[in-house]
């Protein structure tokens, strides 16, 4: 199954084809080496962790709203 998905991995080769200001976002957990390579993850870690933090706050707000 992983072999079938290998062509969809975000890696340095894919990023070379993207615009120079392209961002990589991931909601985590990221399976490094499978869905995103280590180099690309580390290069975009700030954006990835910011997105994950924002998702956390969004989930907390939804849970709070549902509890009312």
Protein backbone atom coordinates (compact mmCIF):
# COMPACT_ATOMS: atom_id res chain seq x y z
CA UNK A 1 0.00 0.00 0.00
CA UNK A 2 2.83 2.42 0.80
CA UNK A 3 4.35 1.75 -2.61
CA UNK A 4 1.11 2.89 -4.26
CA UNK A 5 1.18 6.14 -2.28
CA UNK A 6 4.89 6.88 -2.79
CA UNK A 7 4.14 9.12 -5.76
CA UNK A 8 2.09 11.40 -3.53
CA UNK A 9 4.86 12.10 -1.01
CA UNK A 10 5.75 15.75 -0.47
CA UNK A 11 9.50 15.92 -0.94
CA UNK A 12 12.26 18.17 -2.24
CA UNK A 13 11.54 17.17 -5.84
CA UNK A 14 7.89 18.21 -5.55
CA UNK A 15 8.86 21.45 -3.83
CA UNK A 16 11.24 22.32 -6.68
CA UNK A 17 8.21 22.26 -8.99
CA UNK A 18 6.20 24.56 -6.72
CA UNK A 19 6.30 28.34 -6.65
CA UNK A 20 9.18 29.71 -4.55
CA UNK A 21 6.79 31.00 -1.87
CA UNK A 22 4.79 27.75 -1.61
CA UNK A 23 3.99 26.60 1.92
CA UNK A 24 3.74 23.07 3.18
CA UNK A 25 0.98 22.58 5.73
CA UNK A 26 0.17 19.41 7.63
CA UNK A 27 -2.37 18.80 10.37
CA UNK A 28 -0.09 16.27 12.12
CA UNK A 29 0.86 13.64 13.00
CA UNK A 30 3.20 13.45 10.04
CA UNK A 31 4.75 10.15 9.08
CA UNK A 32 8.17 11.41 8.09
CA UNK A 33 9.72 9.45 5.28
CA UNK A 34 6.33 8.22 4.13
CA UNK A 35 4.01 11.14 3.42
CA UNK A 36 6.60 13.90 3.74
CA UNK A 37 10.37 13.64 3.66
CA UNK A 38 12.51 14.83 6.56
CA UNK A 39 14.10 17.70 4.61
CA UNK A 40 10.78 19.19 3.55
CA UNK A 41 9.23 18.75 6.99
CA UNK A 42 12.13 20.52 8.70
CA UNK A 43 12.15 23.33 6.12
CA UNK A 44 8.46 24.04 6.78
CA UNK A 45 8.24 23.03 10.46
CA UNK A 46 7.23 26.51 11.64
CA UNK A 47 4.22 26.56 9.32
CA UNK A 48 3.31 22.95 10.10
CA UNK A 49 3.38 23.46 13.87
CA UNK A 50 1.49 26.76 13.62
CA UNK A 51 -1.24 25.02 11.65
CA UNK A 52 -1.41 22.21 14.20
CA UNK A 53 -1.67 24.71 17.06
CA UNK A 54 -4.44 26.62 15.29
CA UNK A 55 -6.30 23.36 14.71
CA UNK A 56 -6.09 22.64 18.44
CA UNK A 57 -7.65 25.99 19.32
CA UNK A 58 -10.35 25.50 16.70
CA UNK A 59 -11.20 22.08 18.11
CA UNK A 60 -11.38 23.49 21.64
CA UNK A 61 -13.72 26.27 20.47
CA UNK A 62 -15.99 23.76 18.75
CA UNK A 63 -16.09 21.57 21.86
CA UNK A 64 -16.90 24.62 23.99
CA UNK A 65 -19.66 25.69 21.61
CA UNK A 66 -21.14 22.18 21.60
CA UNK A 67 -21.16 22.09 25.40
CA UNK A 68 -23.38 25.17 25.63
